[in-house]
Amino acid sequence: MATLSEQAVALIRRSQLRLTKQRQSLIDILASSPERYLEVTYVDQLMRQQYPGVSHNTIYRNLEEFQTAGIVEITQRSHGKAVKLSCDQEAHEHHHHFICQECGRVTEIHMKPFDLEFYQAQLPGAEITGHEFELYGRCADCAKKHE
């Protein structure tokens, strides 16, 4: 079975994007933490250490192109965007997250569909375009450490 990095490279080629050294480095950074979302600002910082001349816009544009190609999942957090290498198409279906505040591991949660009509009725005239839902706490592994 192909590694996550190899799957990402295959998706880049299928999407007719060029596999540049910078894009490969971006994949390598994301592949280093496959179970965690990395803050986009942190990814930007690591990329700029490797490529001092690269602009923030180039990094963000590459992440957006990766998202369009199904290579990464980008989520909005209360303190900014976070990104995770995710070549599995099922992972791109709508879901929510449990985030361990101790180790940073993110677990996807599949919940009952959101009752959009209920909230729309409480906001007459408003147009709801989306939502974010995250649970925070300690994962099972971290909770065991505190027993």
N, C-alpha and C. Protein backbone atom coordinates (compact mmCIF):
# COMPACT_ATOMS: atom_id res chain seq x y z
N MET A 1 0.84 -1.19 0.00
CA MET A 1 0.00 0.00 0.00
C MET A 1 0.88 1.25 0.00
N ALA A 2 0.50 2.22 -0.77
CA ALA A 2 1.27 3.45 -0.90
C ALA A 2 1.19 4.28 0.38
N THR A 3 2.28 4.96 0.69
CA THR A 3 2.29 5.86 1.85
C THR A 3 1.42 7.07 1.54
N LEU A 4 1.10 7.82 2.58
CA LEU A 4 0.30 9.03 2.40
C LEU A 4 1.01 10.02 1.47
N SER A 5 2.33 10.13 1.61
CA SER A 5 3.11 11.01 0.73
C SER A 5 3.01 10.56 -0.72
N GLU A 6 3.13 9.25 -0.95
CA GLU A 6 3.03 8.72 -2.31
C GLU A 6 1.64 8.95 -2.89
N GLN A 7 0.61 8.79 -2.06
CA GLN A 7 -0.76 9.05 -2.52
C GLN A 7 -0.92 10.52 -2.90
N ALA A 8 -0.33 11.41 -2.09
CA ALA A 8 -0.42 12.84 -2.38
C ALA A 8 0.27 13.18 -3.70
N VAL A 9 1.44 12.59 -3.92
CA VAL A 9 2.17 12.83 -5.18
C VAL A 9 1.34 12.33 -6.37
N ALA A 10 0.72 11.17 -6.23
CA ALA A 10 -0.12 10.63 -7.30
C ALA A 10 -1.30 11.56 -7.59
N LEU A 11 -1.90 12.11 -6.54
CA LEU A 11 -3.02 13.05 -6.73
C LEU A 11 -2.56 14.34 -7.39
N ILE A 12 -1.36 14.79 -7.06
CA ILE A 12 -0.82 15.99 -7.71
C ILE A 12 -0.69 15.74 -9.20
N ARG A 13 -0.14 14.61 -9.55
CA ARG A 13 0.05 14.29 -10.98
C ARG A 13 -1.29 14.14 -11.70
N ARG A 14 -2.26 13.48 -11.04
CA ARG A 14 -3.59 13.32 -11.64
C ARG A 14 -4.28 14.66 -11.83
N SER A 15 -3.98 15.60 -10.95
CA SER A 15 -4.60 16.93 -11.03
C SER A 15 -3.88 17.84 -12.00
N GLN A 16 -2.85 17.31 -12.63
CA GLN A 16 -2.05 18.05 -13.61
C GLN A 16 -1.34 19.26 -12.98
N LEU A 17 -1.03 19.14 -11.69
CA LEU A 17 -0.20 20.14 -11.04
C LEU A 17 1.25 19.67 -11.17
N ARG A 18 2.17 20.62 -11.24
CA ARG A 18 3.59 20.26 -11.29
C ARG A 18 4.07 19.90 -9.90
N LEU A 19 4.86 18.85 -9.79
CA LEU A 19 5.45 18.48 -8.51
C LEU A 19 6.79 19.20 -8.37
N THR A 20 6.74 20.38 -7.79
CA THR A 20 7.95 21.17 -7.58
C THR A 20 8.61 20.75 -6.27
N LYS A 21 9.83 21.21 -6.05
CA LYS A 21 10.52 20.93 -4.79
C LYS A 21 9.74 21.51 -3.62
N GLN A 22 9.18 22.70 -3.82
CA GLN A 22 8.41 23.33 -2.74
C GLN A 22 7.15 22.52 -2.42
N ARG A 23 6.46 22.04 -3.43
CA ARG A 23 5.27 21.23 -3.18
C ARG A 23 5.63 19.92 -2.50
N GLN A 24 6.74 19.31 -2.90
CA GLN A 24 7.19 18.09 -2.24
C GLN A 24 7.52 18.37 -0.77
N SER A 25 8.16 19.50 -0.49
CA SER A 25 8.47 19.87 0.89
C SER A 25 7.19 20.09 1.70
N LEU A 26 6.21 20.70 1.08
CA LEU A 26 4.92 20.92 1.74
C LEU A 26 4.28 19.58 2.11
N ILE A 27 4.33 18.63 1.18
CA ILE A 27 3.80 17.28 1.45
C ILE A 27 4.58 16.63 2.59
N ASP A 28 5.91 16.75 2.56
CA ASP A 28 6.74 16.15 3.60
C ASP A 28 6.42 16.72 4.98
N ILE A 29 6.22 18.03 5.05
CA ILE A 29 5.87 18.66 6.33
C ILE A 29 4.54 18.12 6.85
N LEU A 30 3.55 18.04 5.97
CA LEU A 30 2.23 17.56 6.39
C LEU A 30 2.27 16.07 6.72
N ALA A 31 3.07 15.30 6.00
CA ALA A 31 3.17 13.86 6.25
C ALA A 31 3.88 13.55 7.56
N SER A 32 4.63 14.51 8.08
CA SER A 32 5.34 14.29 9.35
C SER A 32 4.39 14.21 10.54
N SER A 33 3.16 14.68 10.38
CA SER A 33 2.15 14.61 11.45
C SER A 33 0.82 14.15 10.87
N PRO A 34 0.74 12.89 10.43
CA PRO A 34 -0.45 12.43 9.71
C PRO A 34 -1.74 12.41 10.52
N GLU A 35 -1.64 12.32 11.85
CA GLU A 35 -2.84 12.26 12.67
C GLU A 35 -3.26 13.61 13.22
N ARG A 36 -2.51 14.65 12.92
CA ARG A 36 -2.79 15.96 13.49
C ARG A 36 -2.98 17.01 12.41
N TYR A 37 -3.83 17.96 12.72
CA TYR A 37 -3.92 19.15 11.89
C TYR A 37 -2.79 20.07 12.33
N LEU A 38 -2.13 20.67 11.38
CA LEU A 38 -1.08 21.64 11.67
C LEU A 38 -1.62 23.03 11.38
N GLU A 39 -1.30 23.96 12.24
CA GLU A 39 -1.71 25.34 12.00
C GLU A 39 -1.06 25.80 10.70
N VAL A 40 -1.82 26.46 9.86
CA VAL A 40 -1.30 26.92 8.58
C VAL A 40 -0.13 27.89 8.80
N THR A 41 -0.20 28.69 9.85
CA THR A 41 0.90 29.61 10.14
C THR A 41 2.18 28.84 10.49
N TYR A 42 2.05 27.69 11.14
CA TYR A 42 3.20 26.85 11.48
C TYR A 42 3.80 26.23 10.21
N VAL A 43 2.93 25.74 9.33
CA VAL A 43 3.39 25.18 8.05
C VAL A 43 4.11 26.27 7.26
N ASP A 44 3.55 27.46 7.25
CA ASP A 44 4.15 28.60 6.57
C ASP A 44 5.54 28.88 7.14
N GLN A 45 5.66 28.85 8.45
CA GLN A 45 6.95 29.10 9.11
C GLN A 45 7.98 28.04 8.71
N LEU A 46 7.59 26.77 8.71
CA LEU A 46 8.52 25.70 8.33
C LEU A 46 8.95 25.82 6.87
N MET A 47 8.00 26.15 6.00
CA MET A 47 8.33 26.31 4.58
C MET A 47 9.29 27.47 4.36
N ARG A 48 9.07 28.56 5.09
CA ARG A 48 9.92 29.74 4.92
C ARG A 48 11.32 29.51 5.49
N GLN A 49 11.46 28.56 6.42
CA GLN A 49 12.80 28.19 6.89
C GLN A 49 13.56 27.46 5.78
N GLN A 50 12.85 26.61 5.03
CA GLN A 50 13.49 25.86 3.94
C GLN A 50 13.68 26.71 2.69
N TYR A 51 12.73 27.59 2.45
CA TYR A 51 12.73 28.44 1.25
C TYR A 51 12.52 29.89 1.68
N PRO A 52 13.57 30.57 2.13
CA PRO A 52 13.42 31.92 2.68
C PRO A 52 12.74 32.92 1.74
N GLY A 53 12.86 32.73 0.45
CA GLY A 53 12.28 33.68 -0.49
C GLY A 53 10.82 33.42 -0.84
N VAL A 54 10.26 32.31 -0.38
CA VAL A 54 8.89 31.97 -0.75
C VAL A 54 7.91 32.89 -0.02
N SER A 55 6.88 33.31 -0.73
CA SER A 55 5.91 34.22 -0.13
C SER A 55 4.80 33.45 0.59
N HIS A 56 4.17 34.14 1.52
CA HIS A 56 3.01 33.56 2.21
C HIS A 56 1.95 33.18 1.19
N ASN A 57 1.73 34.04 0.22
CA ASN A 57 0.69 33.80 -0.79
C ASN A 57 0.95 32.51 -1.57
N THR A 58 2.20 32.24 -1.90
CA THR A 58 2.54 31.01 -2.63
C THR A 58 2.20 29.78 -1.80
N ILE A 59 2.54 29.82 -0.53
CA ILE A 59 2.26 28.68 0.35
C ILE A 59 0.76 28.47 0.48
N TYR A 60 0.03 29.54 0.74
CA TYR A 60 -1.42 29.44 0.90
C TYR A 60 -2.09 29.00 -0.40
N ARG A 61 -1.60 29.51 -1.53
CA ARG A 61 -2.17 29.11 -2.82
C ARG A 61 -1.94 27.62 -3.08
N ASN A 62 -0.75 27.13 -2.75
CA ASN A 62 -0.47 25.70 -2.91
C ASN A 62 -1.39 24.86 -2.02
N LEU A 63 -1.61 25.30 -0.79
CA LEU A 63 -2.52 24.56 0.10
C LEU A 63 -3.94 24.55 -0.46
N GLU A 64 -4.38 25.67 -1.02
CA GLU A 64 -5.71 25.72 -1.63
C GLU A 64 -5.79 24.81 -2.85
N GLU A 65 -4.73 24.77 -3.66
CA GLU A 65 -4.70 23.87 -4.82
C GLU A 65 -4.71 22.42 -4.36
N PHE A 66 -3.99 22.12 -3.28
CA PHE A 66 -3.99 20.77 -2.71
C PHE A 66 -5.39 20.41 -2.22
N GLN A 67 -6.08 21.37 -1.63
CA GLN A 67 -7.43 21.11 -1.14
C GLN A 67 -8.36 20.80 -2.32
N THR A 68 -8.28 21.57 -3.37
CA THR A 68 -9.09 21.34 -4.57
C THR A 68 -8.81 19.97 -5.17
N ALA A 69 -7.55 19.54 -5.12
CA ALA A 69 -7.15 18.25 -5.68
C ALA A 69 -7.46 17.08 -4.74
N GLY A 70 -7.96 17.37 -3.53
CA GLY A 70 -8.30 16.31 -2.59
C GLY A 70 -7.11 15.76 -1.82
N ILE A 71 -6.04 16.54 -1.75
CA ILE A 71 -4.82 16.11 -1.08
C ILE A 71 -4.82 16.48 0.40
N VAL A 72 -5.38 17.63 0.71
CA VAL A 72 -5.42 18.08 2.10
C VAL A 72 -6.85 18.45 2.50
N GLU A 73 -7.04 18.49 3.79
CA GLU A 73 -8.27 19.01 4.37
C GLU A 73 -7.88 20.24 5.16
N ILE A 74 -8.56 21.34 4.91
CA ILE A 74 -8.30 22.58 5.64
C ILE A 74 -9.54 22.88 6.47
N THR A 75 -9.32 23.19 7.74
CA THR A 75 -10.44 23.51 8.61
C THR A 75 -10.19 24.85 9.28
N GLN A 76 -11.25 25.56 9.56
CA GLN A 76 -11.15 26.84 10.25
C GLN A 76 -11.25 26.60 11.74
N ARG A 77 -10.28 27.05 12.48
CA ARG A 77 -10.29 26.95 13.94
C ARG A 77 -10.53 28.33 14.51
N SER A 78 -10.81 28.40 15.78
CA SER A 78 -11.06 29.69 16.41
C SER A 78 -9.84 30.60 16.32
N HIS A 79 -8.65 30.04 16.25
CA HIS A 79 -7.42 30.83 16.20
C HIS A 79 -6.75 30.79 14.83
N GLY A 80 -7.45 30.36 13.80
CA GLY A 80 -6.89 30.35 12.45
C GLY A 80 -7.13 29.04 11.74
N LYS A 81 -6.62 28.94 10.54
CA LYS A 81 -6.80 27.73 9.74
C LYS A 81 -5.78 26.66 10.11
N ALA A 82 -6.21 25.40 9.95
CA ALA A 82 -5.32 24.27 10.17
C ALA A 82 -5.47 23.32 8.99
N VAL A 83 -4.41 22.56 8.70
CA VAL A 83 -4.39 21.71 7.52
C VAL A 83 -3.86 20.32 7.88
N LYS A 84 -4.39 19.33 7.17
CA LYS A 84 -3.98 17.94 7.39
C LYS A 84 -3.90 17.25 6.03
N LEU A 85 -2.85 16.47 5.82
CA LEU A 85 -2.72 15.66 4.62
C LEU A 85 -3.78 14.57 4.69
N SER A 86 -4.63 14.50 3.69
CA SER A 86 -5.77 13.58 3.75
C SER A 86 -6.17 13.19 2.34
N CYS A 87 -5.56 12.14 1.82
CA CYS A 87 -5.82 11.70 0.45
C CYS A 87 -7.03 10.79 0.35
N ASP A 88 -7.65 10.46 1.47
CA ASP A 88 -8.82 9.59 1.52
C ASP A 88 -10.06 10.42 1.21
N GLN A 89 -10.75 10.10 0.14
CA GLN A 89 -11.91 10.90 -0.26
C GLN A 89 -13.02 10.88 0.78
N GLU A 90 -13.17 9.78 1.53
CA GLU A 90 -14.19 9.73 2.57
C GLU A 90 -13.92 10.77 3.65
N ALA A 91 -12.67 11.10 3.87
CA ALA A 91 -12.32 12.09 4.89
C ALA A 91 -12.79 13.47 4.50
N HIS A 92 -13.08 13.68 3.22
CA HIS A 92 -13.51 15.00 2.77
C HIS A 92 -15.02 15.18 2.88
N GLU A 93 -15.74 14.13 3.30
CA GLU A 93 -17.16 14.29 3.55
C GLU A 93 -17.31 15.12 4.81
N HIS A 94 -18.45 15.80 4.94
CA HIS A 94 -18.64 16.69 6.08
C HIS A 94 -18.56 15.91 7.39
N HIS A 95 -17.76 16.42 8.30
CA HIS A 95 -17.61 15.80 9.61
C HIS A 95 -17.16 16.87 10.60
N HIS A 96 -17.08 16.48 11.85
CA HIS A 96 -16.65 17.39 12.91
C HIS A 96 -15.42 16.80 13.58
N HIS A 97 -14.87 17.50 14.58
CA HIS A 97 -13.62 17.07 15.18
C HIS A 97 -13.65 17.05 16.70
N PHE A 98 -12.96 16.06 17.27
CA PHE A 98 -12.60 16.06 18.69
C PHE A 98 -11.11 16.33 18.73
N ILE A 99 -10.70 17.35 19.48
CA ILE A 99 -9.30 17.75 19.51
C ILE A 99 -8.76 17.55 20.92
N CYS A 100 -7.73 16.73 21.04
CA CYS A 100 -7.09 16.51 22.33
C CYS A 100 -6.25 17.75 22.66
N GLN A 101 -6.56 18.36 23.78
CA GLN A 101 -5.84 19.58 24.17
C GLN A 101 -4.46 19.29 24.74
N GLU A 102 -4.17 18.02 24.96
CA GLU A 102 -2.87 17.67 25.51
C GLU A 102 -1.87 17.29 24.41
N CYS A 103 -2.24 16.36 23.53
CA CYS A 103 -1.30 15.89 22.50
C CYS A 103 -1.59 16.47 21.12
N GLY A 104 -2.76 17.07 20.95
CA GLY A 104 -3.11 17.68 19.67
C GLY A 104 -3.74 16.75 18.65
N ARG A 105 -3.90 15.47 19.00
CA ARG A 105 -4.51 14.51 18.07
C ARG A 105 -5.94 14.95 17.75
N VAL A 106 -6.30 14.82 16.49
CA VAL A 106 -7.65 15.17 16.03
C VAL A 106 -8.35 13.89 15.59
N THR A 107 -9.55 13.68 16.12
CA THR A 107 -10.36 12.53 15.75
C THR A 107 -11.60 13.04 15.03
N GLU A 108 -11.87 12.47 13.88
CA GLU A 108 -13.06 12.88 13.13
C GLU A 108 -14.30 12.26 13.76
N ILE A 109 -15.35 13.05 13.84
CA ILE A 109 -16.61 12.61 14.41
C ILE A 109 -17.69 12.74 13.34
N HIS A 110 -18.39 11.67 13.09
CA HIS A 110 -19.50 11.71 12.15
C HIS A 110 -20.78 11.73 12.97
N MET A 111 -21.54 12.80 12.83
CA MET A 111 -22.73 13.02 13.65
C MET A 111 -23.98 13.01 12.79
N LYS A 112 -25.11 13.06 13.47
CA LYS A 112 -26.37 13.20 12.75
C LYS A 112 -26.33 14.50 11.96
N PRO A 113 -27.05 14.56 10.86
CA PRO A 113 -27.06 15.80 10.08
C PRO A 113 -27.48 17.00 10.93
N PHE A 114 -26.86 18.11 10.67
CA PHE A 114 -27.13 19.37 11.36
C PHE A 114 -28.52 19.86 10.96
N ASP A 115 -29.34 20.25 11.92
CA ASP A 115 -30.71 20.71 11.65
C ASP A 115 -30.68 22.18 11.24
N LEU A 116 -30.29 22.41 10.00
CA LEU A 116 -30.15 23.76 9.48
C LEU A 116 -31.46 24.53 9.51
N GLU A 117 -32.56 23.86 9.22
CA GLU A 117 -33.87 24.53 9.19
C GLU A 117 -34.23 25.09 10.57
N PHE A 118 -33.88 24.38 11.64
CA PHE A 118 -34.16 24.83 13.00
C PHE A 118 -33.46 26.17 13.26
N TYR A 119 -32.20 26.26 12.88
CA TYR A 119 -31.44 27.49 13.11
C TYR A 119 -31.85 28.60 12.14
N GLN A 120 -32.18 28.23 10.93
CA GLN A 120 -32.62 29.23 9.96
C GLN A 120 -33.91 29.90 10.44
N ALA A 121 -34.81 29.13 11.07
CA ALA A 121 -36.06 29.69 11.58
C ALA A 121 -35.81 30.70 12.70
N GLN A 122 -34.72 30.54 13.43
CA GLN A 122 -34.39 31.47 14.52
C GLN A 122 -33.69 32.73 14.03
N LEU A 123 -33.34 32.73 12.75
CA LEU A 123 -32.61 33.87 12.17
C LEU A 123 -33.31 34.36 10.91
N PRO A 124 -34.54 34.87 11.05
CA PRO A 124 -35.28 35.28 9.85
C PRO A 124 -34.50 36.30 9.03
N GLY A 125 -34.46 36.06 7.75
CA GLY A 125 -33.79 36.96 6.83
C GLY A 125 -32.29 36.70 6.69
N ALA A 126 -31.73 35.92 7.58
CA ALA A 126 -30.29 35.62 7.51
C ALA A 126 -30.06 34.47 6.54
N GLU A 127 -28.86 34.43 6.00
CA GLU A 127 -28.48 33.34 5.10
C GLU A 127 -27.33 32.57 5.74
N ILE A 128 -27.59 31.36 6.19
CA ILE A 128 -26.56 30.53 6.80
C ILE A 128 -25.79 29.84 5.68
N THR A 129 -24.47 29.99 5.70
CA THR A 129 -23.66 29.41 4.63
C THR A 129 -22.79 28.25 5.10
N GLY A 130 -22.75 27.99 6.40
CA GLY A 130 -21.95 26.88 6.89
C GLY A 130 -21.88 26.90 8.40
N HIS A 131 -21.15 25.94 8.95
CA HIS A 131 -20.96 25.88 10.39
C HIS A 131 -19.69 25.11 10.71
N GLU A 132 -19.19 25.30 11.92
CA GLU A 132 -18.04 24.57 12.44
C GLU A 132 -18.43 24.04 13.81
N PHE A 133 -18.01 22.84 14.13
CA PHE A 133 -18.30 22.24 15.42
C PHE A 133 -17.10 21.42 15.85
N GLU A 134 -16.55 21.74 17.01
CA GLU A 134 -15.39 21.02 17.52
C GLU A 134 -15.60 20.71 19.00
N LEU A 135 -15.18 19.53 19.41
CA LEU A 135 -15.18 19.14 20.81
C LEU A 135 -13.73 19.12 21.28
N TYR A 136 -13.49 19.57 22.50
CA TYR A 136 -12.14 19.61 23.07
C TYR A 136 -12.09 18.78 24.34
N GLY A 137 -10.94 18.23 24.65
CA GLY A 137 -10.75 17.46 25.87
C GLY A 137 -9.46 16.68 25.79
N ARG A 138 -9.42 15.53 26.48
CA ARG A 138 -8.27 14.64 26.43
C ARG A 138 -8.66 13.37 25.70
N CYS A 139 -7.81 12.92 24.79
CA CYS A 139 -8.05 11.65 24.10
C CYS A 139 -7.88 10.51 25.11
N ALA A 140 -8.28 9.31 24.74
CA ALA A 140 -8.21 8.16 25.64
C ALA A 140 -6.78 7.91 26.13
N ASP A 141 -5.80 8.03 25.24
CA ASP A 141 -4.40 7.79 25.64
C ASP A 141 -3.94 8.80 26.68
N CYS A 142 -4.26 10.07 26.47
CA CYS A 142 -3.84 11.11 27.42
C CYS A 142 -4.63 11.01 28.73
N ALA A 143 -5.89 10.63 28.65
CA ALA A 143 -6.71 10.48 29.85
C ALA A 143 -6.14 9.37 30.74
N LYS A 144 -5.63 8.29 30.12
CA LYS A 144 -5.04 7.18 30.88
C LYS A 144 -3.82 7.65 31.68
N LYS A 145 -3.08 8.58 31.13
CA LYS A 145 -1.89 9.09 31.82
C LYS A 145 -2.24 9.83 33.11
N HIS A 146 -3.48 10.29 33.20
CA HIS A 146 -3.90 11.07 34.37
C HIS A 146 -4.70 10.25 35.38
N GLU A 147 -4.80 8.94 35.16
CA GLU A 147 -5.55 8.09 36.10
C GLU A 147 -4.75 7.80 37.34
